[in-house]
Amino acid sequence: MFDPPRFVAARTLNGSREAACHLNALKAVDAWGGEAVTGWAIWQWQKVMLQAEHHCVWKDVSGRLFDVTPQRCGEAKIVFCVDSSASFDPSGRSRRDNVRKNISDMPEVDSLISLEAAKRKLMMSDCWFEGDQLVCRYDEIAVAALQDNIELLTSVIVERVGIWPA
C-alpha cells in the first residue's frame, strides 16, 4: 500500500553507488540496523512530466527514513512514497520500470515517455547480479538509436517550455 509522499533526507554511505539503492540500503542495515524500505522516488520535470522511480531507502532503528544512495544532482532530500508492494528481486532478473505521467499538453511528451519505456525494457531484458554488480546484456546499437531520439525530443520540449529536466 502507498503511503503519502514525504521528504526523505539524503545520507550517502561511504562506498554507495548511484543506481544501486537496494544494495545501498541493505549495506546500511548491515552497518547500523533498521530495515530497507521500498517505494518510489518522485521526480518532476516542471510543466512537463512526473516520474516515479522504483527506489529503496534505509529506515534507522528509530524509524527515520534516509536516502543512502547518491543522486545524480546531489540532492539533499528526495520525495519518497513508501510502497510495501514494490518489492525488489535480488536476482536482478525482474526490474521495475519508472512510472511516467505527462503533465503538459504536448504530444511530444507522450512520445518521450514511450521511448523511455522502450529503452528501459530493452536494457533490462537480460540482467542479473554478479556479486553486488548488476550486469545487463542488450543491443547497444538499438539503445543508442533510442537515446538519440530521446535527446532530440528532450531538446524540442526544452525549447518549448524553457526548462531542462532535473
N, C-alpha and C. Protein backbone atom coordinates (compact mmCIF):
# COMPACT_ATOMS: atom_id res chain seq x y z
N MET A 1 0.83 -1.18 0.00
CA MET A 1 0.00 0.00 0.00
C MET A 1 0.88 1.25 0.00
N PHE A 2 0.44 2.27 -0.70
CA PHE A 2 1.18 3.53 -0.77
C PHE A 2 0.98 4.36 0.48
N ASP A 3 2.05 4.93 0.96
CA ASP A 3 1.98 5.97 1.98
C ASP A 3 1.99 7.31 1.26
N PRO A 4 1.55 8.38 1.90
CA PRO A 4 1.63 9.70 1.26
C PRO A 4 3.10 10.05 0.99
N PRO A 5 3.36 10.82 -0.06
CA PRO A 5 4.74 11.25 -0.33
C PRO A 5 5.28 12.09 0.82
N ARG A 6 6.58 11.96 1.05
CA ARG A 6 7.24 12.77 2.08
C ARG A 6 8.67 13.04 1.67
N PHE A 7 9.24 14.08 2.25
CA PHE A 7 10.65 14.34 2.01
C PHE A 7 11.48 13.38 2.85
N VAL A 8 12.54 12.86 2.23
CA VAL A 8 13.48 11.97 2.91
C VAL A 8 14.87 12.57 2.73
N ALA A 9 15.56 12.78 3.84
CA ALA A 9 16.90 13.38 3.79
C ALA A 9 17.91 12.41 3.20
N ALA A 10 18.87 12.97 2.49
CA ALA A 10 19.97 12.17 1.94
C ALA A 10 21.03 11.98 3.02
N ARG A 11 21.55 10.78 3.08
CA ARG A 11 22.66 10.46 3.99
C ARG A 11 23.47 9.38 3.27
N THR A 12 24.28 9.82 2.32
CA THR A 12 25.00 8.88 1.47
C THR A 12 26.05 8.12 2.26
N LEU A 13 26.06 6.83 2.06
CA LEU A 13 27.04 5.97 2.71
C LEU A 13 28.36 6.00 1.97
N ASN A 14 29.44 5.83 2.70
CA ASN A 14 30.74 5.65 2.07
C ASN A 14 30.68 4.39 1.22
N GLY A 15 31.05 4.48 -0.04
CA GLY A 15 31.03 3.31 -0.91
C GLY A 15 29.69 3.06 -1.59
N SER A 16 28.68 3.89 -1.33
CA SER A 16 27.40 3.74 -2.02
C SER A 16 27.57 4.09 -3.49
N ARG A 17 26.76 3.41 -4.32
CA ARG A 17 26.82 3.66 -5.76
C ARG A 17 25.49 4.18 -6.28
N GLU A 18 25.56 5.08 -7.27
CA GLU A 18 24.35 5.53 -7.95
C GLU A 18 23.65 4.31 -8.55
N ALA A 19 22.34 4.37 -8.60
CA ALA A 19 21.52 3.33 -9.25
C ALA A 19 21.66 1.96 -8.58
N ALA A 20 22.05 1.92 -7.32
CA ALA A 20 22.15 0.66 -6.58
C ALA A 20 21.45 0.82 -5.24
N CYS A 21 20.28 1.44 -5.24
CA CYS A 21 19.61 1.82 -4.00
C CYS A 21 19.31 0.64 -3.08
N HIS A 22 18.88 -0.48 -3.65
CA HIS A 22 18.52 -1.62 -2.81
C HIS A 22 19.76 -2.18 -2.09
N LEU A 23 20.84 -2.30 -2.83
CA LEU A 23 22.08 -2.79 -2.21
C LEU A 23 22.62 -1.78 -1.20
N ASN A 24 22.53 -0.49 -1.52
CA ASN A 24 22.99 0.54 -0.58
C ASN A 24 22.19 0.50 0.72
N ALA A 25 20.87 0.36 0.60
CA ALA A 25 20.02 0.31 1.80
C ALA A 25 20.34 -0.93 2.64
N LEU A 26 20.59 -2.06 1.97
CA LEU A 26 20.94 -3.28 2.71
C LEU A 26 22.29 -3.14 3.42
N LYS A 27 23.22 -2.43 2.80
CA LYS A 27 24.52 -2.17 3.46
C LYS A 27 24.31 -1.31 4.71
N ALA A 28 23.41 -0.34 4.65
CA ALA A 28 23.12 0.49 5.83
C ALA A 28 22.50 -0.36 6.94
N VAL A 29 21.62 -1.27 6.57
CA VAL A 29 21.02 -2.18 7.56
C VAL A 29 22.10 -3.02 8.22
N ASP A 30 23.02 -3.55 7.41
CA ASP A 30 24.12 -4.35 7.97
C ASP A 30 24.99 -3.53 8.92
N ALA A 31 25.21 -2.27 8.58
CA ALA A 31 26.10 -1.42 9.39
C ALA A 31 25.43 -0.89 10.65
N TRP A 32 24.14 -0.50 10.57
CA TRP A 32 23.51 0.22 11.69
C TRP A 32 22.17 -0.35 12.14
N GLY A 33 21.73 -1.45 11.55
CA GLY A 33 20.43 -1.99 11.92
C GLY A 33 19.32 -1.29 11.15
N GLY A 34 18.11 -1.47 11.60
CA GLY A 34 16.97 -0.89 10.91
C GLY A 34 16.51 -1.80 9.79
N GLU A 35 15.95 -1.21 8.73
CA GLU A 35 15.45 -2.03 7.62
C GLU A 35 15.49 -1.25 6.31
N ALA A 36 15.48 -1.99 5.21
CA ALA A 36 15.37 -1.41 3.88
C ALA A 36 13.88 -1.25 3.57
N VAL A 37 13.50 -0.10 3.03
CA VAL A 37 12.10 0.21 2.74
C VAL A 37 11.97 0.53 1.26
N THR A 38 11.09 -0.20 0.56
CA THR A 38 10.91 0.02 -0.87
C THR A 38 9.76 0.98 -1.13
N GLY A 39 9.82 1.59 -2.28
CA GLY A 39 8.78 2.52 -2.70
C GLY A 39 9.18 3.22 -3.98
N TRP A 40 8.84 4.50 -4.04
CA TRP A 40 9.03 5.27 -5.26
C TRP A 40 9.59 6.65 -4.93
N ALA A 41 10.69 7.01 -5.61
CA ALA A 41 11.20 8.38 -5.56
C ALA A 41 10.43 9.15 -6.64
N ILE A 42 9.93 10.31 -6.29
CA ILE A 42 9.11 11.10 -7.21
C ILE A 42 9.94 12.28 -7.72
N TRP A 43 10.02 12.38 -9.03
CA TRP A 43 10.78 13.45 -9.67
C TRP A 43 9.84 14.25 -10.56
N GLN A 44 10.09 15.53 -10.68
CA GLN A 44 9.26 16.38 -11.54
C GLN A 44 10.13 17.16 -12.51
N TRP A 45 9.76 17.08 -13.77
CA TRP A 45 10.29 18.00 -14.78
C TRP A 45 9.20 19.05 -14.90
N GLN A 46 9.44 20.19 -14.30
CA GLN A 46 8.42 21.23 -14.15
C GLN A 46 7.72 21.53 -15.47
N LYS A 47 6.38 21.55 -15.42
CA LYS A 47 5.50 21.82 -16.55
C LYS A 47 5.49 20.72 -17.61
N VAL A 48 6.20 19.62 -17.38
CA VAL A 48 6.35 18.61 -18.42
C VAL A 48 5.91 17.22 -17.96
N MET A 49 6.55 16.68 -16.91
CA MET A 49 6.34 15.28 -16.57
C MET A 49 6.62 15.01 -15.10
N LEU A 50 5.85 14.08 -14.54
CA LEU A 50 6.16 13.48 -13.24
C LEU A 50 6.69 12.09 -13.50
N GLN A 51 7.64 11.67 -12.66
CA GLN A 51 8.22 10.34 -12.82
C GLN A 51 8.39 9.71 -11.45
N ALA A 52 7.87 8.49 -11.31
CA ALA A 52 8.06 7.72 -10.08
C ALA A 52 9.09 6.64 -10.39
N GLU A 53 10.19 6.67 -9.66
CA GLU A 53 11.29 5.73 -9.87
C GLU A 53 11.31 4.71 -8.73
N HIS A 54 11.27 3.41 -9.08
CA HIS A 54 11.35 2.38 -8.05
C HIS A 54 12.63 2.64 -7.25
N HIS A 55 12.50 2.69 -5.93
CA HIS A 55 13.62 3.13 -5.10
C HIS A 55 13.57 2.43 -3.75
N CYS A 56 14.70 2.45 -3.07
CA CYS A 56 14.78 1.86 -1.74
C CYS A 56 15.57 2.80 -0.84
N VAL A 57 15.06 3.00 0.37
CA VAL A 57 15.74 3.85 1.36
C VAL A 57 15.98 3.01 2.62
N TRP A 58 16.71 3.60 3.52
CA TRP A 58 17.02 2.94 4.79
C TRP A 58 16.20 3.56 5.90
N LYS A 59 15.57 2.71 6.72
CA LYS A 59 14.86 3.16 7.93
C LYS A 59 15.75 2.81 9.11
N ASP A 60 16.17 3.84 9.86
CA ASP A 60 17.04 3.58 11.01
C ASP A 60 16.24 2.96 12.16
N VAL A 61 16.92 2.59 13.23
CA VAL A 61 16.26 1.88 14.33
C VAL A 61 15.23 2.74 15.05
N SER A 62 15.30 4.08 14.88
CA SER A 62 14.29 4.94 15.49
C SER A 62 13.12 5.23 14.54
N GLY A 63 13.17 4.66 13.32
CA GLY A 63 12.06 4.80 12.39
C GLY A 63 12.20 5.92 11.37
N ARG A 64 13.31 6.65 11.39
CA ARG A 64 13.52 7.72 10.41
C ARG A 64 14.02 7.15 9.09
N LEU A 65 13.56 7.72 7.98
CA LEU A 65 13.98 7.28 6.65
C LEU A 65 15.12 8.15 6.14
N PHE A 66 16.08 7.51 5.46
CA PHE A 66 17.20 8.20 4.84
C PHE A 66 17.45 7.61 3.46
N ASP A 67 17.73 8.48 2.50
CA ASP A 67 18.16 8.03 1.17
C ASP A 67 19.67 7.89 1.22
N VAL A 68 20.16 6.66 1.17
CA VAL A 68 21.59 6.39 1.29
C VAL A 68 22.27 6.22 -0.06
N THR A 69 21.54 6.52 -1.13
CA THR A 69 22.08 6.37 -2.49
C THR A 69 22.41 7.74 -3.07
N PRO A 70 23.64 7.91 -3.59
CA PRO A 70 23.98 9.20 -4.18
C PRO A 70 23.08 9.48 -5.39
N GLN A 71 22.57 10.70 -5.46
CA GLN A 71 21.74 11.11 -6.58
C GLN A 71 22.58 11.90 -7.58
N ARG A 72 22.19 11.81 -8.82
CA ARG A 72 22.93 12.41 -9.93
C ARG A 72 23.17 13.91 -9.73
N CYS A 73 22.21 14.62 -9.17
CA CYS A 73 22.35 16.07 -8.99
C CYS A 73 22.70 16.45 -7.55
N GLY A 74 23.01 15.47 -6.71
CA GLY A 74 23.43 15.75 -5.34
C GLY A 74 22.36 16.30 -4.44
N GLU A 75 21.10 15.91 -4.67
CA GLU A 75 20.01 16.41 -3.85
C GLU A 75 20.24 16.14 -2.37
N ALA A 76 19.84 17.10 -1.53
CA ALA A 76 19.94 16.95 -0.09
C ALA A 76 18.76 16.17 0.47
N LYS A 77 17.68 16.09 -0.31
CA LYS A 77 16.50 15.32 0.07
C LYS A 77 15.75 14.93 -1.20
N ILE A 78 14.93 13.89 -1.07
CA ILE A 78 14.11 13.45 -2.19
C ILE A 78 12.66 13.35 -1.71
N VAL A 79 11.74 13.30 -2.66
CA VAL A 79 10.35 12.99 -2.35
C VAL A 79 10.19 11.48 -2.52
N PHE A 80 9.65 10.83 -1.49
CA PHE A 80 9.58 9.36 -1.49
C PHE A 80 8.21 8.91 -1.01
N CYS A 81 7.69 7.89 -1.67
CA CYS A 81 6.42 7.24 -1.29
C CYS A 81 6.74 5.81 -0.90
N VAL A 82 6.48 5.44 0.34
CA VAL A 82 6.65 4.04 0.75
C VAL A 82 5.58 3.20 0.05
N ASP A 83 5.99 2.07 -0.51
CA ASP A 83 5.07 1.14 -1.16
C ASP A 83 5.55 -0.27 -0.84
N SER A 84 4.92 -0.90 0.14
CA SER A 84 5.37 -2.23 0.57
C SER A 84 5.18 -3.28 -0.52
N SER A 85 4.36 -2.99 -1.53
CA SER A 85 4.17 -3.97 -2.62
C SER A 85 5.24 -3.83 -3.70
N ALA A 86 6.07 -2.80 -3.62
CA ALA A 86 7.11 -2.56 -4.63
C ALA A 86 8.38 -3.32 -4.27
N SER A 87 8.27 -4.64 -4.28
CA SER A 87 9.39 -5.48 -3.82
C SER A 87 10.56 -5.43 -4.80
N PHE A 88 11.68 -5.89 -4.33
CA PHE A 88 12.93 -5.92 -5.08
C PHE A 88 13.31 -7.36 -5.35
N ASP A 89 13.67 -7.66 -6.59
CA ASP A 89 14.14 -9.00 -6.97
C ASP A 89 15.66 -9.03 -6.87
N PRO A 90 16.21 -9.66 -5.84
CA PRO A 90 17.67 -9.65 -5.65
C PRO A 90 18.44 -10.37 -6.75
N SER A 91 17.77 -11.17 -7.58
CA SER A 91 18.47 -11.83 -8.69
C SER A 91 18.77 -10.84 -9.80
N GLY A 92 18.02 -9.72 -9.84
CA GLY A 92 18.21 -8.74 -10.91
C GLY A 92 17.43 -9.07 -12.16
N ARG A 93 16.76 -10.22 -12.19
CA ARG A 93 16.04 -10.65 -13.40
C ARG A 93 14.74 -9.88 -13.62
N SER A 94 14.16 -9.37 -12.55
CA SER A 94 12.89 -8.64 -12.66
C SER A 94 13.10 -7.23 -12.14
N ARG A 95 13.07 -6.27 -13.04
CA ARG A 95 13.31 -4.87 -12.67
C ARG A 95 12.06 -4.05 -12.99
N ARG A 96 11.70 -3.16 -12.11
CA ARG A 96 10.52 -2.31 -12.32
C ARG A 96 10.90 -1.07 -13.12
N ASP A 97 10.07 -0.75 -14.08
CA ASP A 97 10.29 0.47 -14.85
C ASP A 97 9.74 1.66 -14.07
N ASN A 98 10.22 2.84 -14.42
CA ASN A 98 9.67 4.06 -13.85
C ASN A 98 8.25 4.24 -14.35
N VAL A 99 7.44 4.93 -13.56
CA VAL A 99 6.09 5.29 -13.97
C VAL A 99 6.16 6.77 -14.34
N ARG A 100 5.76 7.09 -15.57
CA ARG A 100 5.87 8.46 -16.07
C ARG A 100 4.49 9.01 -16.40
N LYS A 101 4.27 10.29 -16.12
CA LYS A 101 2.97 10.92 -16.37
C LYS A 101 3.19 12.28 -17.03
N ASN A 102 2.60 12.45 -18.19
CA ASN A 102 2.64 13.73 -18.90
C ASN A 102 1.76 14.73 -18.15
N ILE A 103 2.34 15.85 -17.72
CA ILE A 103 1.54 16.88 -17.04
C ILE A 103 1.45 18.14 -17.92
N SER A 104 1.75 17.96 -19.20
CA SER A 104 1.68 19.07 -20.15
C SER A 104 0.58 18.78 -21.16
N ASP A 105 0.45 19.67 -22.13
CA ASP A 105 -0.47 19.42 -23.24
C ASP A 105 0.28 19.07 -24.52
N MET A 106 1.55 18.69 -24.38
CA MET A 106 2.40 18.42 -25.54
C MET A 106 2.42 16.93 -25.90
N PRO A 107 2.03 16.59 -27.12
CA PRO A 107 2.10 15.18 -27.55
C PRO A 107 3.54 14.65 -27.59
N GLU A 108 4.51 15.55 -27.72
CA GLU A 108 5.92 15.12 -27.73
C GLU A 108 6.30 14.45 -26.41
N VAL A 109 5.67 14.87 -25.33
CA VAL A 109 5.98 14.26 -24.02
C VAL A 109 5.49 12.81 -24.00
N ASP A 110 4.32 12.55 -24.58
CA ASP A 110 3.85 11.17 -24.67
C ASP A 110 4.82 10.32 -25.49
N SER A 111 5.34 10.89 -26.58
CA SER A 111 6.32 10.17 -27.39
C SER A 111 7.60 9.92 -26.60
N LEU A 112 8.03 10.91 -25.83
CA LEU A 112 9.23 10.76 -25.00
C LEU A 112 9.02 9.65 -23.97
N ILE A 113 7.87 9.63 -23.34
CA ILE A 113 7.56 8.60 -22.36
C ILE A 113 7.61 7.21 -23.00
N SER A 114 7.07 7.07 -24.19
CA SER A 114 7.10 5.78 -24.90
C SER A 114 8.53 5.36 -25.23
N LEU A 115 9.35 6.31 -25.68
CA LEU A 115 10.75 6.00 -26.00
C LEU A 115 11.52 5.58 -24.75
N GLU A 116 11.30 6.31 -23.65
CA GLU A 116 11.98 5.96 -22.38
C GLU A 116 11.60 4.54 -21.94
N ALA A 117 10.32 4.21 -22.05
CA ALA A 117 9.86 2.87 -21.65
C ALA A 117 10.47 1.80 -22.55
N ALA A 118 10.54 2.07 -23.86
CA ALA A 118 11.13 1.10 -24.79
C ALA A 118 12.62 0.90 -24.50
N LYS A 119 13.32 1.98 -24.20
CA LYS A 119 14.75 1.89 -23.88
C LYS A 119 14.95 1.07 -22.60
N ARG A 120 14.18 1.37 -21.59
CA ARG A 120 14.31 0.64 -20.31
C ARG A 120 14.02 -0.85 -20.51
N LYS A 121 12.96 -1.16 -21.26
CA LYS A 121 12.61 -2.56 -21.50
C LYS A 121 13.74 -3.29 -22.22
N LEU A 122 14.31 -2.65 -23.21
CA LEU A 122 15.41 -3.26 -23.97
C LEU A 122 16.64 -3.46 -23.08
N MET A 123 16.97 -2.44 -22.28
CA MET A 123 18.17 -2.51 -21.45
C MET A 123 18.05 -3.50 -20.30
N MET A 124 16.85 -3.73 -19.81
CA MET A 124 16.68 -4.56 -18.62
C MET A 124 16.15 -5.95 -18.94
N SER A 125 16.11 -6.32 -20.22
CA SER A 125 15.51 -7.60 -20.57
C SER A 125 16.38 -8.79 -20.19
N ASP A 126 17.69 -8.61 -20.09
CA ASP A 126 18.57 -9.73 -19.76
C ASP A 126 19.61 -9.25 -18.74
N CYS A 127 19.20 -9.21 -17.46
CA CYS A 127 20.07 -8.70 -16.40
C CYS A 127 20.18 -9.70 -15.25
N TRP A 128 21.28 -9.61 -14.54
CA TRP A 128 21.49 -10.44 -13.37
C TRP A 128 22.57 -9.78 -12.51
N PHE A 129 22.65 -10.22 -11.26
CA PHE A 129 23.69 -9.71 -10.37
C PHE A 129 24.86 -10.69 -10.35
N GLU A 130 26.05 -10.14 -10.42
CA GLU A 130 27.29 -10.87 -10.15
C GLU A 130 27.89 -10.19 -8.93
N GLY A 131 27.74 -10.82 -7.77
CA GLY A 131 28.10 -10.16 -6.52
C GLY A 131 27.15 -9.00 -6.31
N ASP A 132 27.68 -7.79 -6.14
CA ASP A 132 26.80 -6.63 -5.99
C ASP A 132 26.79 -5.76 -7.25
N GLN A 133 27.22 -6.33 -8.37
CA GLN A 133 27.22 -5.61 -9.65
C GLN A 133 26.07 -6.12 -10.52
N LEU A 134 25.23 -5.19 -11.01
CA LEU A 134 24.18 -5.55 -11.96
C LEU A 134 24.81 -5.62 -13.34
N VAL A 135 24.64 -6.75 -14.00
CA VAL A 135 25.18 -6.98 -15.34
C VAL A 135 24.00 -7.14 -16.30
N CYS A 136 24.05 -6.42 -17.42
CA CYS A 136 22.97 -6.50 -18.41
C CYS A 136 23.57 -6.70 -19.80
N ARG A 137 22.90 -7.56 -20.57
CA ARG A 137 23.25 -7.73 -21.98
C ARG A 137 22.11 -7.13 -22.79
N TYR A 138 22.45 -6.29 -23.76
CA TYR A 138 21.42 -5.69 -24.61
C TYR A 138 22.05 -5.21 -25.90
N ASP A 139 21.21 -4.90 -26.86
CA ASP A 139 21.62 -4.42 -28.17
C ASP A 139 22.01 -2.95 -28.05
N GLU A 140 23.31 -2.69 -28.00
CA GLU A 140 23.79 -1.32 -27.78
C GLU A 140 23.43 -0.38 -28.92
N ILE A 141 23.36 -0.88 -30.14
CA ILE A 141 23.00 -0.03 -31.28
C ILE A 141 21.55 0.40 -31.18
N ALA A 142 20.67 -0.51 -30.81
CA ALA A 142 19.25 -0.17 -30.66
C ALA A 142 19.06 0.82 -29.51
N VAL A 143 19.76 0.61 -28.41
CA VAL A 143 19.65 1.54 -27.27
C VAL A 143 20.18 2.92 -27.67
N ALA A 144 21.29 2.97 -28.41
CA ALA A 144 21.85 4.25 -28.85
C ALA A 144 20.87 4.99 -29.77
N ALA A 145 20.19 4.26 -30.64
CA ALA A 145 19.20 4.89 -31.52
C ALA A 145 18.04 5.47 -30.71
N LEU A 146 17.57 4.71 -29.73
CA LEU A 146 16.51 5.23 -28.86
C LEU A 146 16.99 6.46 -28.10
N GLN A 147 18.22 6.40 -27.58
CA GLN A 147 18.77 7.53 -26.83
C GLN A 147 18.88 8.77 -27.71
N ASP A 148 19.29 8.61 -28.96
CA ASP A 148 19.36 9.75 -29.88
C ASP A 148 17.98 10.40 -30.04
N ASN A 149 16.95 9.58 -30.20
CA ASN A 149 15.59 10.11 -30.33
C ASN A 149 15.10 10.76 -29.03
N ILE A 150 15.47 10.18 -27.90
CA ILE A 150 15.12 10.76 -26.60
C ILE A 150 15.75 12.14 -26.46
N GLU A 151 17.02 12.26 -26.81
CA GLU A 151 17.71 13.54 -26.71
C GLU A 151 17.11 14.57 -27.66
N LEU A 152 16.74 14.15 -28.86
CA LEU A 152 16.12 15.07 -29.82
C LEU A 152 14.77 15.57 -29.29
N LEU A 153 13.94 14.65 -28.82
CA LEU A 153 12.64 15.06 -28.27
C LEU A 153 12.80 15.94 -27.02
N THR A 154 13.76 15.60 -26.19
CA THR A 154 14.02 16.40 -24.99
C THR A 154 14.37 17.83 -25.38
N SER A 155 15.21 17.99 -26.39
CA SER A 155 15.59 19.35 -26.80
C SER A 155 14.40 20.11 -27.38
N VAL A 156 13.52 19.42 -28.10
CA VAL A 156 12.31 20.06 -28.62
C VAL A 156 11.43 20.53 -27.47
N ILE A 157 11.26 19.69 -26.47
CA ILE A 157 10.43 20.04 -25.31
C ILE A 157 11.05 21.19 -24.53
N VAL A 158 12.36 21.13 -24.31
CA VAL A 158 13.05 22.20 -23.59
C VAL A 158 12.88 23.53 -24.33
N GLU A 159 12.98 23.48 -25.64
CA GLU A 159 12.81 24.70 -26.43
C GLU A 159 11.41 25.29 -26.23
N ARG A 160 10.41 24.44 -26.08
CA ARG A 160 9.03 24.92 -25.90
C ARG A 160 8.78 25.45 -24.50
N VAL A 161 9.30 24.76 -23.47
CA VAL A 161 8.98 25.16 -22.08
C VAL A 161 10.09 25.98 -21.42
N GLY A 162 11.30 25.91 -21.96
CA GLY A 162 12.40 26.68 -21.40
C GLY A 162 12.97 26.13 -20.10
N ILE A 163 12.68 24.86 -19.79
CA ILE A 163 13.15 24.26 -18.53
C ILE A 163 13.75 22.90 -18.84
N TRP A 164 14.98 22.68 -18.39
CA TRP A 164 15.65 21.39 -18.55
C TRP A 164 15.17 20.44 -17.46
N PRO A 165 15.13 19.13 -17.77
CA PRO A 165 14.80 18.17 -16.70
C PRO A 165 15.89 18.16 -15.64
N ALA A 166 15.50 17.95 -14.41
CA ALA A 166 16.49 17.90 -13.30
C ALA A 166 17.20 16.58 -13.30
